[in-house]
N, C-alpha and C. Protein backbone atom coordinates (compact mmCIF):
# COMPACT_ATOMS: atom_id res chain seq x y z
N MET A 1 98.04 40.69 81.39
CA MET A 1 97.19 41.83 81.14
C MET A 1 97.41 42.92 82.17
N SER A 2 97.60 42.54 83.44
CA SER A 2 97.75 43.55 84.48
C SER A 2 99.05 44.33 84.34
N ARG A 3 100.07 43.72 83.72
CA ARG A 3 101.32 44.46 83.56
C ARG A 3 101.16 45.61 82.57
N PHE A 4 100.11 45.61 81.72
CA PHE A 4 99.85 46.72 80.79
C PHE A 4 98.94 47.77 81.42
N ILE A 5 98.08 47.36 82.32
CA ILE A 5 97.12 48.28 82.94
C ILE A 5 97.83 49.27 83.85
N LEU A 6 98.75 48.83 84.65
CA LEU A 6 99.45 49.72 85.58
C LEU A 6 100.21 50.84 84.85
N PRO A 7 101.00 50.53 83.82
CA PRO A 7 101.67 51.64 83.10
C PRO A 7 100.67 52.59 82.43
N ILE A 8 99.60 52.06 81.88
CA ILE A 8 98.61 52.93 81.22
C ILE A 8 97.93 53.81 82.26
N LEU A 9 97.57 53.24 83.41
CA LEU A 9 96.95 54.01 84.49
C LEU A 9 97.90 55.11 84.97
N SER A 10 99.18 54.79 85.08
CA SER A 10 100.18 55.78 85.50
C SER A 10 100.25 56.94 84.50
N VAL A 11 100.25 56.62 83.21
CA VAL A 11 100.30 57.67 82.18
C VAL A 11 99.05 58.54 82.25
N VAL A 12 97.89 57.96 82.43
CA VAL A 12 96.63 58.72 82.52
C VAL A 12 96.65 59.64 83.72
N LEU A 13 97.05 59.14 84.88
CA LEU A 13 97.12 59.98 86.10
C LEU A 13 98.14 61.10 85.94
N PHE A 14 99.28 60.79 85.33
CA PHE A 14 100.30 61.81 85.10
C PHE A 14 99.75 62.90 84.18
N ALA A 15 99.06 62.52 83.12
CA ALA A 15 98.48 63.49 82.18
C ALA A 15 97.43 64.36 82.88
N GLN A 16 96.62 63.76 83.76
CA GLN A 16 95.62 64.54 84.48
C GLN A 16 96.30 65.53 85.43
N SER A 17 97.38 65.10 86.06
CA SER A 17 98.13 65.97 86.97
C SER A 17 98.72 67.17 86.22
N ILE A 18 99.32 66.92 85.07
CA ILE A 18 99.89 68.00 84.25
C ILE A 18 98.78 68.94 83.81
N SER A 19 97.65 68.40 83.38
CA SER A 19 96.52 69.21 82.93
C SER A 19 96.03 70.12 84.06
N ALA A 20 95.93 69.59 85.27
CA ALA A 20 95.46 70.40 86.41
C ALA A 20 96.46 71.50 86.74
N GLN A 21 97.76 71.21 86.62
CA GLN A 21 98.79 72.21 86.92
C GLN A 21 98.80 73.33 85.88
N ASN A 22 98.43 73.03 84.66
CA ASN A 22 98.47 74.01 83.58
C ASN A 22 97.13 74.71 83.36
N LYS A 23 96.21 74.55 84.30
CA LYS A 23 94.90 75.19 84.18
C LYS A 23 95.09 76.70 84.16
N ILE A 24 94.40 77.35 83.28
CA ILE A 24 94.45 78.81 83.22
C ILE A 24 93.69 79.35 84.42
N SER A 25 94.33 80.25 85.17
CA SER A 25 93.66 80.77 86.35
C SER A 25 92.53 81.70 86.00
N ASP A 26 91.60 81.78 86.91
CA ASP A 26 90.45 82.67 86.75
C ASP A 26 90.91 84.12 86.87
N VAL A 27 90.24 85.00 86.16
CA VAL A 27 90.53 86.43 86.26
C VAL A 27 89.94 86.92 87.57
N TRP A 28 90.72 87.72 88.30
CA TRP A 28 90.26 88.24 89.59
C TRP A 28 89.14 89.23 89.39
N SER A 29 88.11 89.12 90.18
CA SER A 29 87.03 90.10 90.20
C SER A 29 86.65 90.36 91.65
N PRO A 30 86.69 91.62 92.08
CA PRO A 30 86.30 91.93 93.45
C PRO A 30 84.79 91.95 93.63
N ASP A 31 84.05 92.00 92.54
CA ASP A 31 82.59 92.12 92.58
C ASP A 31 81.96 90.76 92.85
N ASN A 32 81.27 90.64 93.98
CA ASN A 32 80.61 89.39 94.34
C ASN A 32 79.30 89.19 93.58
N GLY A 33 78.87 90.21 92.82
CA GLY A 33 77.66 90.10 92.02
C GLY A 33 76.37 90.28 92.80
N ASP A 34 76.48 90.59 94.07
CA ASP A 34 75.28 90.76 94.89
C ASP A 34 75.26 92.11 95.62
N GLY A 35 76.03 93.08 95.09
CA GLY A 35 76.10 94.39 95.73
C GLY A 35 77.21 94.50 96.76
N THR A 36 77.95 93.41 96.97
CA THR A 36 79.09 93.44 97.88
C THR A 36 80.37 93.19 97.09
N TYR A 37 81.50 93.39 97.72
CA TYR A 37 82.79 93.18 97.07
C TYR A 37 83.77 92.58 98.06
N LYS A 38 84.89 92.11 97.52
CA LYS A 38 85.96 91.59 98.36
C LYS A 38 87.25 92.34 98.02
N ASN A 39 88.12 92.41 98.99
CA ASN A 39 89.42 93.04 98.79
C ASN A 39 90.42 92.02 98.29
N PRO A 40 91.42 92.43 97.53
CA PRO A 40 91.66 93.79 97.09
C PRO A 40 90.77 94.16 95.91
N ILE A 41 90.41 95.44 95.84
CA ILE A 41 89.59 95.91 94.72
C ILE A 41 90.35 95.71 93.42
N ILE A 42 91.60 96.12 93.38
CA ILE A 42 92.44 95.91 92.21
C ILE A 42 93.58 95.01 92.63
N TYR A 43 93.64 93.83 92.04
CA TYR A 43 94.64 92.83 92.39
C TYR A 43 95.87 93.04 91.52
N ALA A 44 96.54 94.18 91.72
CA ALA A 44 97.72 94.53 90.94
C ALA A 44 98.46 95.65 91.66
N ASP A 45 99.62 96.00 91.16
CA ASP A 45 100.42 97.06 91.79
C ASP A 45 100.18 98.38 91.08
N TYR A 46 99.31 99.18 91.65
CA TYR A 46 99.10 100.55 91.18
C TYR A 46 99.59 101.46 92.30
N SER A 47 100.88 101.77 92.27
CA SER A 47 101.49 102.59 93.32
C SER A 47 100.96 104.01 93.29
N ASP A 48 100.79 104.59 94.44
CA ASP A 48 100.39 106.00 94.59
C ASP A 48 99.12 106.33 93.80
N PRO A 49 98.05 105.56 93.94
CA PRO A 49 96.85 105.83 93.13
C PRO A 49 96.18 107.14 93.52
N ASP A 50 95.56 107.78 92.54
CA ASP A 50 94.77 108.99 92.79
C ASP A 50 93.55 108.90 91.89
N ALA A 51 92.38 109.21 92.43
CA ALA A 51 91.13 109.07 91.68
C ALA A 51 90.25 110.31 91.83
N ILE A 52 89.41 110.51 90.81
CA ILE A 52 88.44 111.60 90.83
C ILE A 52 87.10 111.07 90.34
N ARG A 53 86.05 111.84 90.64
CA ARG A 53 84.73 111.53 90.09
C ARG A 53 84.30 112.71 89.25
N VAL A 54 83.85 112.43 88.03
CA VAL A 54 83.29 113.45 87.14
C VAL A 54 81.94 112.91 86.69
N GLY A 55 80.87 113.51 87.20
CA GLY A 55 79.54 112.98 86.93
C GLY A 55 79.41 111.60 87.55
N SER A 56 79.03 110.62 86.75
CA SER A 56 78.89 109.25 87.26
C SER A 56 80.11 108.39 86.94
N ASP A 57 81.19 109.00 86.49
CA ASP A 57 82.41 108.27 86.11
C ASP A 57 83.52 108.55 87.12
N PHE A 58 84.28 107.50 87.41
CA PHE A 58 85.47 107.62 88.24
C PHE A 58 86.68 107.33 87.36
N TYR A 59 87.72 108.15 87.52
CA TYR A 59 88.97 107.95 86.79
C TYR A 59 90.11 107.88 87.80
N MET A 60 91.04 106.99 87.55
CA MET A 60 92.17 106.82 88.44
C MET A 60 93.46 106.73 87.62
N THR A 61 94.54 107.22 88.21
CA THR A 61 95.87 107.05 87.63
C THR A 61 96.82 106.67 88.74
N SER A 62 98.05 106.33 88.38
CA SER A 62 99.03 105.93 89.39
C SER A 62 100.44 106.14 88.85
N SER A 63 101.40 105.99 89.75
CA SER A 63 102.80 106.08 89.34
C SER A 63 103.09 105.01 88.29
N SER A 64 103.91 105.36 87.33
CA SER A 64 104.36 104.36 86.36
C SER A 64 105.89 104.30 86.30
N PHE A 65 106.54 105.14 87.11
CA PHE A 65 107.99 105.16 87.23
C PHE A 65 108.67 105.17 85.87
N ASN A 66 109.49 104.17 85.55
CA ASN A 66 110.24 104.21 84.29
C ASN A 66 109.56 103.42 83.17
N CYS A 67 108.30 103.02 83.36
CA CYS A 67 107.59 102.24 82.35
C CYS A 67 106.79 103.14 81.41
N MET A 68 106.85 102.84 80.12
CA MET A 68 106.09 103.58 79.12
C MET A 68 105.32 102.59 78.27
N PRO A 69 104.08 102.88 77.85
CA PRO A 69 103.41 104.14 78.15
C PRO A 69 103.18 104.27 79.65
N GLY A 70 103.06 105.52 80.09
CA GLY A 70 102.94 105.81 81.52
C GLY A 70 101.61 106.45 81.87
N LEU A 71 101.43 106.66 83.15
CA LEU A 71 100.20 107.23 83.69
C LEU A 71 98.97 106.47 83.19
N PRO A 72 98.78 105.23 83.66
CA PRO A 72 97.59 104.49 83.23
C PRO A 72 96.32 105.22 83.66
N ILE A 73 95.32 105.18 82.80
CA ILE A 73 94.02 105.76 83.12
C ILE A 73 93.05 104.60 83.29
N LEU A 74 92.51 104.47 84.49
CA LEU A 74 91.52 103.44 84.78
C LEU A 74 90.16 104.10 84.93
N HIS A 75 89.11 103.39 84.56
CA HIS A 75 87.74 103.92 84.62
C HIS A 75 86.86 102.96 85.41
N SER A 76 85.92 103.53 86.15
CA SER A 76 84.95 102.74 86.90
C SER A 76 83.65 103.52 87.02
N LYS A 77 82.57 102.80 87.15
CA LYS A 77 81.26 103.42 87.43
C LYS A 77 80.86 103.22 88.89
N ASP A 78 81.55 102.29 89.59
CA ASP A 78 81.12 101.93 90.94
C ASP A 78 82.25 101.83 91.97
N LEU A 79 83.46 102.20 91.62
CA LEU A 79 84.65 102.12 92.48
C LEU A 79 85.05 100.68 92.83
N VAL A 80 84.39 99.69 92.21
CA VAL A 80 84.74 98.30 92.44
C VAL A 80 85.31 97.68 91.17
N ASN A 81 84.63 97.86 90.07
CA ASN A 81 85.05 97.29 88.78
C ASN A 81 85.82 98.35 88.00
N TRP A 82 87.12 98.12 87.84
CA TRP A 82 88.00 99.06 87.15
C TRP A 82 88.51 98.44 85.87
N GLU A 83 88.73 99.30 84.85
CA GLU A 83 89.26 98.85 83.57
C GLU A 83 90.28 99.87 83.08
N ILE A 84 91.42 99.40 82.57
CA ILE A 84 92.39 100.32 81.96
C ILE A 84 91.82 100.77 80.63
N VAL A 85 91.68 102.10 80.47
CA VAL A 85 91.07 102.64 79.25
C VAL A 85 92.03 103.49 78.42
N ASN A 86 93.18 103.87 78.98
CA ASN A 86 94.09 104.74 78.24
C ASN A 86 95.39 104.89 79.03
N TYR A 87 96.33 105.59 78.42
CA TYR A 87 97.56 106.03 79.08
C TYR A 87 97.72 107.50 78.74
N ALA A 88 97.99 108.33 79.76
CA ALA A 88 98.11 109.77 79.54
C ALA A 88 99.49 110.16 79.02
N LEU A 89 100.46 109.29 79.16
CA LEU A 89 101.83 109.61 78.78
C LEU A 89 102.35 108.51 77.85
N GLN A 90 102.50 108.86 76.59
CA GLN A 90 102.99 107.87 75.62
C GLN A 90 104.51 107.74 75.64
N ARG A 91 105.17 108.84 75.96
CA ARG A 91 106.63 108.85 76.05
C ARG A 91 107.03 110.02 76.92
N PHE A 92 108.23 109.97 77.45
CA PHE A 92 108.75 111.07 78.25
C PHE A 92 109.76 111.79 77.38
N PRO A 93 109.48 113.03 76.99
CA PRO A 93 110.27 113.70 75.94
C PRO A 93 111.62 114.26 76.38
N TYR A 94 112.41 113.46 77.06
CA TYR A 94 113.74 113.88 77.45
C TYR A 94 114.70 112.78 77.04
N PRO A 95 115.84 113.14 76.42
CA PRO A 95 116.75 112.11 75.91
C PRO A 95 117.25 111.15 76.98
N GLU A 96 117.38 111.61 78.23
CA GLU A 96 117.89 110.71 79.26
C GLU A 96 116.90 109.60 79.61
N PHE A 97 115.67 109.67 79.06
CA PHE A 97 114.68 108.62 79.31
C PHE A 97 114.47 107.71 78.11
N SER A 98 115.48 107.63 77.25
CA SER A 98 115.37 106.75 76.10
C SER A 98 115.50 105.28 76.51
N LYS A 99 115.98 105.04 77.71
CA LYS A 99 116.03 103.69 78.25
C LYS A 99 115.61 103.74 79.73
N PRO A 100 115.06 102.64 80.25
CA PRO A 100 114.60 102.62 81.64
C PRO A 100 115.73 102.92 82.63
N GLN A 101 115.38 103.65 83.68
CA GLN A 101 116.34 103.98 84.73
C GLN A 101 115.65 103.82 86.08
N LEU A 102 116.21 103.02 86.93
CA LEU A 102 115.65 102.75 88.24
C LEU A 102 115.55 104.03 89.07
N GLY A 103 114.42 104.25 89.71
CA GLY A 103 114.24 105.39 90.62
C GLY A 103 113.91 106.69 89.93
N LYS A 104 113.62 106.63 88.65
CA LYS A 104 113.31 107.86 87.91
C LYS A 104 111.95 107.72 87.24
N GLY A 105 111.54 108.74 86.53
CA GLY A 105 110.28 108.68 85.80
C GLY A 105 109.12 109.29 86.55
N VAL A 106 107.95 108.72 86.38
CA VAL A 106 106.69 109.28 86.88
C VAL A 106 106.44 108.84 88.32
N TRP A 107 106.43 109.82 89.22
CA TRP A 107 106.17 109.56 90.64
C TRP A 107 104.86 110.22 91.06
N ALA A 108 104.04 109.50 91.79
CA ALA A 108 102.88 109.99 92.55
C ALA A 108 102.06 111.08 91.84
N PRO A 109 101.33 110.72 90.80
CA PRO A 109 100.53 111.72 90.09
C PRO A 109 99.25 112.10 90.83
N ALA A 110 98.71 113.24 90.47
CA ALA A 110 97.41 113.70 90.97
C ALA A 110 96.55 114.02 89.76
N ILE A 111 95.40 113.36 89.66
CA ILE A 111 94.47 113.63 88.55
C ILE A 111 93.37 114.55 89.07
N ARG A 112 93.04 115.57 88.27
CA ARG A 112 92.01 116.54 88.65
C ARG A 112 91.19 116.90 87.42
N TYR A 113 89.98 117.41 87.67
CA TYR A 113 89.09 117.90 86.62
C TYR A 113 88.76 119.34 86.98
N HIS A 114 89.02 120.27 86.04
CA HIS A 114 88.80 121.69 86.31
C HIS A 114 88.44 122.39 85.01
N ASN A 115 87.35 123.13 85.02
CA ASN A 115 86.91 123.92 83.86
C ASN A 115 86.86 123.10 82.57
N GLY A 116 86.30 121.90 82.64
CA GLY A 116 86.11 121.09 81.44
C GLY A 116 87.33 120.33 80.96
N GLU A 117 88.42 120.34 81.74
CA GLU A 117 89.62 119.63 81.32
C GLU A 117 90.12 118.72 82.44
N TYR A 118 90.73 117.62 82.03
CA TYR A 118 91.36 116.69 82.95
C TYR A 118 92.85 117.02 83.00
N TYR A 119 93.39 117.10 84.20
CA TYR A 119 94.81 117.41 84.41
C TYR A 119 95.44 116.27 85.20
N ILE A 120 96.67 115.96 84.88
CA ILE A 120 97.47 115.10 85.74
C ILE A 120 98.79 115.83 85.98
N TYR A 121 99.07 116.08 87.25
CA TYR A 121 100.36 116.64 87.66
C TYR A 121 101.17 115.49 88.22
N PHE A 122 102.44 115.40 87.84
CA PHE A 122 103.30 114.33 88.35
C PHE A 122 104.71 114.86 88.52
N ALA A 123 105.46 114.15 89.34
CA ALA A 123 106.84 114.55 89.61
C ALA A 123 107.81 113.61 88.91
N GLU A 124 108.89 114.18 88.43
CA GLU A 124 110.09 113.43 88.09
C GLU A 124 111.11 113.98 89.08
N PRO A 125 111.55 113.20 90.06
CA PRO A 125 112.26 113.74 91.21
C PRO A 125 113.56 114.47 90.93
N ASP A 126 114.15 114.28 89.74
CA ASP A 126 115.38 114.99 89.42
C ASP A 126 115.15 116.20 88.52
N LEU A 127 113.95 116.31 87.95
CA LEU A 127 113.67 117.40 87.01
C LEU A 127 112.64 118.40 87.52
N GLY A 128 111.59 117.91 88.18
CA GLY A 128 110.57 118.83 88.67
C GLY A 128 109.16 118.29 88.50
N ILE A 129 108.20 119.22 88.45
CA ILE A 129 106.78 118.88 88.37
C ILE A 129 106.31 119.10 86.93
N PHE A 130 105.63 118.08 86.40
CA PHE A 130 105.11 118.11 85.03
C PHE A 130 103.59 118.04 85.05
N MET A 131 102.98 118.42 83.93
CA MET A 131 101.54 118.36 83.80
C MET A 131 101.17 117.91 82.39
N VAL A 132 100.15 117.04 82.30
CA VAL A 132 99.53 116.68 81.04
C VAL A 132 98.04 116.97 81.19
N LYS A 133 97.36 117.25 80.07
CA LYS A 133 95.93 117.53 80.17
C LYS A 133 95.21 117.11 78.90
N THR A 134 93.89 117.02 79.01
CA THR A 134 93.04 116.65 77.89
C THR A 134 91.60 117.05 78.21
N LYS A 135 90.78 117.15 77.19
CA LYS A 135 89.35 117.34 77.39
C LYS A 135 88.63 116.00 77.44
N ASP A 136 89.27 114.94 76.92
CA ASP A 136 88.68 113.61 76.87
C ASP A 136 89.69 112.59 77.42
N PRO A 137 89.44 112.02 78.61
CA PRO A 137 90.41 111.10 79.20
C PRO A 137 90.61 109.82 78.38
N LEU A 138 89.68 109.53 77.47
CA LEU A 138 89.82 108.35 76.62
C LEU A 138 90.56 108.68 75.33
N GLY A 139 90.77 109.97 75.08
CA GLY A 139 91.43 110.42 73.85
C GLY A 139 92.90 110.70 74.06
N THR A 140 93.43 111.57 73.22
CA THR A 140 94.85 111.92 73.26
C THR A 140 95.10 112.96 74.34
N TRP A 141 96.15 112.74 75.11
CA TRP A 141 96.58 113.69 76.13
C TRP A 141 97.69 114.55 75.54
N ASP A 142 97.76 115.82 75.95
CA ASP A 142 98.82 116.72 75.51
C ASP A 142 100.18 116.18 75.96
N GLU A 143 101.21 116.61 75.25
CA GLU A 143 102.58 116.29 75.66
C GLU A 143 102.82 116.92 77.04
N PRO A 144 103.66 116.29 77.87
CA PRO A 144 103.91 116.86 79.20
C PRO A 144 104.67 118.19 79.11
N ILE A 145 104.28 119.09 79.99
CA ILE A 145 105.03 120.35 80.10
C ILE A 145 105.61 120.44 81.50
N LEU A 146 106.79 121.02 81.59
CA LEU A 146 107.45 121.21 82.88
C LEU A 146 106.84 122.44 83.53
N VAL A 147 106.10 122.23 84.60
CA VAL A 147 105.43 123.32 85.31
C VAL A 147 106.41 124.04 86.24
N ARG A 148 107.24 123.25 86.92
CA ARG A 148 108.18 123.83 87.86
C ARG A 148 109.45 123.00 87.86
N SER A 149 110.56 123.60 87.46
CA SER A 149 111.84 122.92 87.50
C SER A 149 112.33 122.94 88.94
N ALA A 150 112.51 121.75 89.52
CA ALA A 150 112.92 121.69 90.92
C ALA A 150 113.41 120.29 91.26
N LYS A 151 114.59 120.18 91.79
CA LYS A 151 115.12 118.87 92.18
C LYS A 151 114.52 118.49 93.53
N GLY A 152 113.98 117.28 93.58
CA GLY A 152 113.47 116.76 94.84
C GLY A 152 112.02 117.07 95.15
N TRP A 153 111.32 117.79 94.28
CA TRP A 153 109.89 118.04 94.52
C TRP A 153 109.12 116.79 94.09
N ILE A 154 108.24 116.31 94.96
CA ILE A 154 107.45 115.11 94.67
C ILE A 154 106.01 115.30 95.15
N ASP A 155 105.17 114.33 94.84
CA ASP A 155 103.79 114.26 95.32
C ASP A 155 102.99 115.54 95.06
N PRO A 156 102.98 116.03 93.82
CA PRO A 156 102.26 117.28 93.55
C PRO A 156 100.75 117.09 93.61
N CYS A 157 100.08 118.13 94.05
CA CYS A 157 98.62 118.11 94.07
C CYS A 157 98.12 119.53 93.79
N PRO A 158 97.51 119.75 92.64
CA PRO A 158 96.98 121.08 92.34
C PRO A 158 95.62 121.29 92.98
N LEU A 159 95.31 122.53 93.26
CA LEU A 159 93.96 122.87 93.70
C LEU A 159 93.65 124.29 93.25
N TRP A 160 92.36 124.52 93.01
CA TRP A 160 91.89 125.82 92.57
C TRP A 160 90.90 126.32 93.60
N ASP A 161 91.05 127.59 94.02
CA ASP A 161 90.08 128.12 94.98
C ASP A 161 88.90 128.74 94.24
N ASP A 162 87.93 129.23 94.98
CA ASP A 162 86.71 129.79 94.39
C ASP A 162 86.97 131.05 93.58
N ASP A 163 88.10 131.71 93.84
CA ASP A 163 88.45 132.93 93.10
C ASP A 163 89.24 132.62 91.83
N GLY A 164 89.48 131.34 91.57
CA GLY A 164 90.22 130.96 90.36
C GLY A 164 91.72 130.88 90.56
N ASN A 165 92.21 131.16 91.77
CA ASN A 165 93.64 131.04 92.03
C ASN A 165 94.01 129.56 92.08
N ALA A 166 95.17 129.25 91.54
CA ALA A 166 95.65 127.87 91.52
C ALA A 166 96.84 127.73 92.46
N TYR A 167 96.88 126.58 93.15
CA TYR A 167 97.95 126.30 94.09
C TYR A 167 98.49 124.89 93.81
N LEU A 168 99.75 124.70 94.15
CA LEU A 168 100.37 123.40 94.00
C LEU A 168 100.96 123.01 95.35
N VAL A 169 100.42 121.96 95.93
CA VAL A 169 100.94 121.40 97.17
C VAL A 169 101.91 120.29 96.78
N HIS A 170 103.02 120.19 97.46
CA HIS A 170 103.98 119.13 97.15
C HIS A 170 104.82 118.81 98.37
N ALA A 171 105.53 117.73 98.28
CA ALA A 171 106.46 117.32 99.33
C ALA A 171 107.86 117.30 98.74
N PHE A 172 108.81 116.88 99.54
CA PHE A 172 110.20 116.80 99.09
C PHE A 172 110.72 115.37 99.25
N ALA A 173 111.49 114.93 98.29
CA ALA A 173 112.17 113.63 98.38
C ALA A 173 113.47 113.84 99.12
N GLY A 174 113.60 113.23 100.28
CA GLY A 174 114.81 113.39 101.07
C GLY A 174 116.06 112.98 100.31
N SER A 175 115.93 112.00 99.43
CA SER A 175 117.09 111.52 98.67
C SER A 175 117.56 112.52 97.63
N ARG A 176 116.71 113.44 97.22
CA ARG A 176 117.06 114.41 96.19
C ARG A 176 117.19 115.83 96.73
N ALA A 177 116.29 116.22 97.62
CA ALA A 177 116.22 117.61 98.07
C ALA A 177 116.94 117.86 99.39
N GLY A 178 117.26 116.79 100.11
CA GLY A 178 117.90 116.98 101.41
C GLY A 178 116.90 117.33 102.50
N LEU A 179 115.62 117.48 102.16
CA LEU A 179 114.57 117.76 103.12
C LEU A 179 113.66 116.54 103.20
N LYS A 180 113.03 116.36 104.36
CA LYS A 180 112.12 115.24 104.51
C LYS A 180 111.00 115.66 105.45
N SER A 181 109.82 115.09 105.23
CA SER A 181 108.65 115.36 106.07
C SER A 181 108.27 116.84 106.07
N VAL A 182 108.40 117.48 104.92
CA VAL A 182 108.01 118.88 104.76
C VAL A 182 106.99 118.95 103.64
N LEU A 183 105.94 119.71 103.86
CA LEU A 183 104.91 119.92 102.86
C LEU A 183 104.94 121.39 102.48
N ALA A 184 104.88 121.71 101.19
CA ALA A 184 104.94 123.10 100.73
C ALA A 184 103.73 123.42 99.86
N ILE A 185 103.30 124.67 99.90
CA ILE A 185 102.21 125.15 99.05
C ILE A 185 102.74 126.34 98.25
N ASN A 186 102.59 126.28 96.94
CA ASN A 186 103.04 127.34 96.06
C ASN A 186 101.87 127.82 95.22
N ARG A 187 101.72 129.13 95.09
CA ARG A 187 100.69 129.66 94.20
C ARG A 187 101.21 129.56 92.78
N MET A 188 100.37 129.03 91.87
CA MET A 188 100.78 128.88 90.48
C MET A 188 100.29 130.07 89.69
N SER A 189 101.03 130.37 88.64
CA SER A 189 100.60 131.42 87.71
C SER A 189 99.60 130.82 86.74
N GLN A 190 98.92 131.65 85.97
CA GLN A 190 97.97 131.17 84.97
C GLN A 190 98.67 130.26 83.96
N ASP A 191 99.95 130.53 83.65
CA ASP A 191 100.68 129.70 82.69
C ASP A 191 100.88 128.27 83.18
N ASP A 192 100.92 128.08 84.50
CA ASP A 192 101.13 126.74 85.06
C ASP A 192 99.90 125.86 84.94
N THR A 193 98.75 126.44 84.64
CA THR A 193 97.51 125.67 84.57
C THR A 193 96.92 125.63 83.18
N LYS A 194 97.64 126.10 82.19
CA LYS A 194 97.12 126.11 80.83
C LYS A 194 97.70 124.98 80.02
């Protein structure tokens, strides 16, 4: 009888071991449920994140490089619990982006809210600075428009002064522009913000 028990016990223990190894992991939540949180807030790679607050809502986007859809839109009410709610860029309308290319695509976006519209300015380091916009961040975003054709311009950040003038702050990619550690400010025309 004992010669049958040992093999059966071995099979049961082996099955339990396999079951424990194949356990589905818990979904990460930074919210401790008691008004506190733990880091990281977002347990994922959202490179170059930028966030804004509009009323009681927070919206965030990040670099998506050569992945499409691009420019993920995340939403939060408390800066702790974030959810992906949309993508601002469904495709990049240039033939050279019909297939993924390392080191290209959407770099370091800046999301802003101005005069009832949401804007995202982003760089494609070989083409220039692009902009997409919408009145509803959960809805359809406009196709990207090239705001400024420029090789090596990166990290765009628009701002509007109290007089309604628009400015674009940006840096340079040393690998593309030959400049490094330089910050530039350019006044934009009305066409660049429409």
